[in-house]
Amino acid sequence: MKLKKILTKLEKEVDKKLDLNKSFKDNNLDSLDLMSIISEVENEFNITLKEKDLKKIKNFITLEKYI
């Protein structure tokens, strides 16, 4: 799964295990981390995430459903 690959890469960058069910905030991810996630997802899946949709994506589970 491509999203799992992105998650694994992010875990290495932030040096901690991330909980897919927790919000990005509860995983202690800052805005730069979120921008990195968005960029990786857009590049990997060749999509553009709309700003209005980004507001609805609160964790990795909702991100996966969106994709």
N, C-alpha and C. Protein backbone atom coordinates (compact mmCIF):
# COMPACT_ATOMS: atom_id res chain seq x y z
N MET A 1 0.84 -1.18 0.00
CA MET A 1 0.00 0.00 0.00
C MET A 1 0.88 1.24 0.00
N LYS A 2 0.57 2.17 -0.87
CA LYS A 2 1.39 3.37 -1.01
C LYS A 2 1.31 4.27 0.22
N LEU A 3 0.14 4.36 0.82
CA LEU A 3 0.00 5.21 2.00
C LEU A 3 0.84 4.68 3.16
N LYS A 4 0.93 3.38 3.27
CA LYS A 4 1.74 2.76 4.33
C LYS A 4 3.22 3.13 4.13
N LYS A 5 3.65 3.17 2.90
CA LYS A 5 5.03 3.56 2.59
C LYS A 5 5.29 5.01 3.02
N ILE A 6 4.33 5.88 2.78
CA ILE A 6 4.45 7.27 3.18
C ILE A 6 4.49 7.38 4.70
N LEU A 7 3.63 6.62 5.36
CA LEU A 7 3.59 6.62 6.82
C LEU A 7 4.91 6.15 7.41
N THR A 8 5.46 5.09 6.87
CA THR A 8 6.74 4.55 7.35
C THR A 8 7.84 5.59 7.19
N LYS A 9 7.87 6.27 6.07
CA LYS A 9 8.86 7.31 5.83
C LYS A 9 8.70 8.45 6.83
N LEU A 10 7.45 8.85 7.08
CA LEU A 10 7.19 9.93 8.03
C LEU A 10 7.60 9.54 9.44
N GLU A 11 7.33 8.30 9.83
CA GLU A 11 7.73 7.84 11.16
C GLU A 11 9.24 7.95 11.36
N LYS A 12 9.98 7.66 10.32
CA LYS A 12 11.44 7.78 10.41
C LYS A 12 11.85 9.24 10.54
N GLU A 13 11.16 10.12 9.81
CA GLU A 13 11.49 11.54 9.85
C GLU A 13 11.20 12.15 11.21
N VAL A 14 10.07 11.79 11.81
CA VAL A 14 9.70 12.37 13.10
C VAL A 14 10.19 11.52 14.27
N ASP A 15 10.78 10.39 13.96
CA ASP A 15 11.40 9.50 14.94
C ASP A 15 10.43 9.06 16.04
N LYS A 16 9.25 8.62 15.61
CA LYS A 16 8.29 8.06 16.57
C LYS A 16 7.24 7.25 15.82
N LYS A 17 6.60 6.39 16.56
CA LYS A 17 5.52 5.56 16.01
C LYS A 17 4.25 6.39 15.98
N LEU A 18 3.56 6.35 14.86
CA LEU A 18 2.33 7.12 14.71
C LEU A 18 1.12 6.20 14.82
N ASP A 19 0.08 6.72 15.44
CA ASP A 19 -1.16 5.98 15.60
C ASP A 19 -2.13 6.43 14.51
N LEU A 20 -2.53 5.50 13.65
CA LEU A 20 -3.39 5.83 12.52
C LEU A 20 -4.74 6.38 12.95
N ASN A 21 -5.22 5.98 14.10
CA ASN A 21 -6.54 6.40 14.57
C ASN A 21 -6.53 7.75 15.28
N LYS A 22 -5.37 8.17 15.74
CA LYS A 22 -5.28 9.47 16.41
C LYS A 22 -5.23 10.58 15.38
N SER A 23 -5.68 11.73 15.80
CA SER A 23 -5.61 12.89 14.91
C SER A 23 -4.14 13.24 14.66
N PHE A 24 -3.91 14.02 13.62
CA PHE A 24 -2.55 14.47 13.34
C PHE A 24 -2.02 15.24 14.55
N LYS A 25 -2.87 16.06 15.13
CA LYS A 25 -2.48 16.86 16.30
C LYS A 25 -2.11 15.96 17.47
N ASP A 26 -2.92 14.93 17.71
CA ASP A 26 -2.64 14.01 18.83
C ASP A 26 -1.38 13.18 18.58
N ASN A 27 -0.98 13.07 17.33
CA ASN A 27 0.28 12.41 16.99
C ASN A 27 1.46 13.38 17.07
N ASN A 28 1.16 14.59 17.54
CA ASN A 28 2.18 15.65 17.68
C ASN A 28 2.85 16.00 16.36
N LEU A 29 2.06 16.05 15.31
CA LEU A 29 2.57 16.46 14.01
C LEU A 29 2.27 17.94 13.83
N ASP A 30 3.27 18.68 13.42
CA ASP A 30 3.07 20.11 13.22
C ASP A 30 2.68 20.41 11.78
N SER A 31 2.50 21.67 11.48
CA SER A 31 2.05 22.05 10.14
C SER A 31 3.05 21.66 9.05
N LEU A 32 4.33 21.69 9.36
CA LEU A 32 5.32 21.26 8.37
C LEU A 32 5.22 19.76 8.09
N ASP A 33 4.96 18.99 9.13
CA ASP A 33 4.75 17.55 8.95
C ASP A 33 3.53 17.31 8.06
N LEU A 34 2.48 18.06 8.31
CA LEU A 34 1.26 17.89 7.53
C LEU A 34 1.47 18.27 6.06
N MET A 35 2.22 19.32 5.85
CA MET A 35 2.52 19.71 4.46
C MET A 35 3.35 18.64 3.77
N SER A 36 4.24 18.03 4.50
CA SER A 36 5.05 16.95 3.95
C SER A 36 4.16 15.75 3.58
N ILE A 37 3.23 15.43 4.45
CA ILE A 37 2.30 14.32 4.18
C ILE A 37 1.49 14.62 2.93
N ILE A 38 0.94 15.81 2.87
CA ILE A 38 0.11 16.19 1.72
C ILE A 38 0.91 16.13 0.43
N SER A 39 2.11 16.67 0.47
CA SER A 39 2.96 16.66 -0.71
C SER A 39 3.28 15.23 -1.16
N GLU A 40 3.64 14.38 -0.21
CA GLU A 40 3.95 12.98 -0.53
C GLU A 40 2.74 12.27 -1.13
N VAL A 41 1.57 12.48 -0.54
CA VAL A 41 0.35 11.84 -1.04
C VAL A 41 0.03 12.33 -2.45
N GLU A 42 0.09 13.62 -2.65
CA GLU A 42 -0.20 14.17 -3.97
C GLU A 42 0.75 13.63 -5.03
N ASN A 43 2.02 13.55 -4.69
CA ASN A 43 3.01 13.04 -5.64
C ASN A 43 2.84 11.54 -5.89
N GLU A 44 2.66 10.80 -4.82
CA GLU A 44 2.56 9.34 -4.93
C GLU A 44 1.31 8.89 -5.69
N PHE A 45 0.20 9.57 -5.45
CA PHE A 45 -1.06 9.17 -6.06
C PHE A 45 -1.45 10.02 -7.26
N ASN A 46 -0.59 10.97 -7.60
CA ASN A 46 -0.82 11.85 -8.75
C ASN A 46 -2.20 12.52 -8.66
N ILE A 47 -2.46 13.12 -7.49
CA ILE A 47 -3.71 13.82 -7.24
C ILE A 47 -3.41 15.18 -6.62
N THR A 48 -4.41 16.02 -6.59
CA THR A 48 -4.32 17.29 -5.88
C THR A 48 -5.42 17.32 -4.84
N LEU A 49 -5.02 17.49 -3.60
CA LEU A 49 -6.00 17.56 -2.52
C LEU A 49 -6.55 18.97 -2.46
N LYS A 50 -7.86 19.08 -2.50
CA LYS A 50 -8.50 20.39 -2.46
C LYS A 50 -8.50 20.92 -1.03
N GLU A 51 -8.35 22.23 -0.92
CA GLU A 51 -8.27 22.85 0.40
C GLU A 51 -9.51 22.56 1.24
N LYS A 52 -10.67 22.60 0.63
CA LYS A 52 -11.90 22.33 1.39
C LYS A 52 -11.93 20.90 1.90
N ASP A 53 -11.33 19.98 1.16
CA ASP A 53 -11.28 18.58 1.59
C ASP A 53 -10.22 18.37 2.68
N LEU A 54 -9.15 19.13 2.61
CA LEU A 54 -8.08 19.01 3.61
C LEU A 54 -8.60 19.30 5.01
N LYS A 55 -9.55 20.19 5.11
CA LYS A 55 -10.11 20.54 6.42
C LYS A 55 -10.87 19.37 7.04
N LYS A 56 -11.34 18.46 6.21
CA LYS A 56 -12.09 17.30 6.69
C LYS A 56 -11.17 16.13 7.09
N ILE A 57 -9.95 16.17 6.62
CA ILE A 57 -9.00 15.07 6.87
C ILE A 57 -8.29 15.34 8.18
N LYS A 58 -8.63 14.54 9.19
CA LYS A 58 -8.11 14.77 10.54
C LYS A 58 -7.09 13.73 10.99
N ASN A 59 -7.04 12.59 10.30
CA ASN A 59 -6.09 11.54 10.67
C ASN A 59 -5.78 10.68 9.45
N PHE A 60 -4.95 9.67 9.64
CA PHE A 60 -4.54 8.84 8.52
C PHE A 60 -5.68 8.00 7.95
N ILE A 61 -6.62 7.64 8.82
CA ILE A 61 -7.76 6.84 8.38
C ILE A 61 -8.62 7.65 7.42
N THR A 62 -8.94 8.90 7.77
CA THR A 62 -9.75 9.72 6.88
C THR A 62 -8.98 10.08 5.61
N LEU A 63 -7.68 10.20 5.71
CA LEU A 63 -6.86 10.44 4.52
C LEU A 63 -6.94 9.25 3.58
N GLU A 64 -6.82 8.07 4.14
CA GLU A 64 -6.89 6.86 3.31
C GLU A 64 -8.26 6.73 2.63
N LYS A 65 -9.32 7.04 3.34
CA LYS A 65 -10.66 7.00 2.75
C LYS A 65 -10.81 8.01 1.63
N TYR A 66 -10.21 9.17 1.81
CA TYR A 66 -10.26 10.22 0.79
C TYR A 66 -9.59 9.77 -0.51
N ILE A 67 -8.47 9.12 -0.35
CA ILE A 67 -7.70 8.68 -1.52
C ILE A 67 -8.46 7.58 -2.23
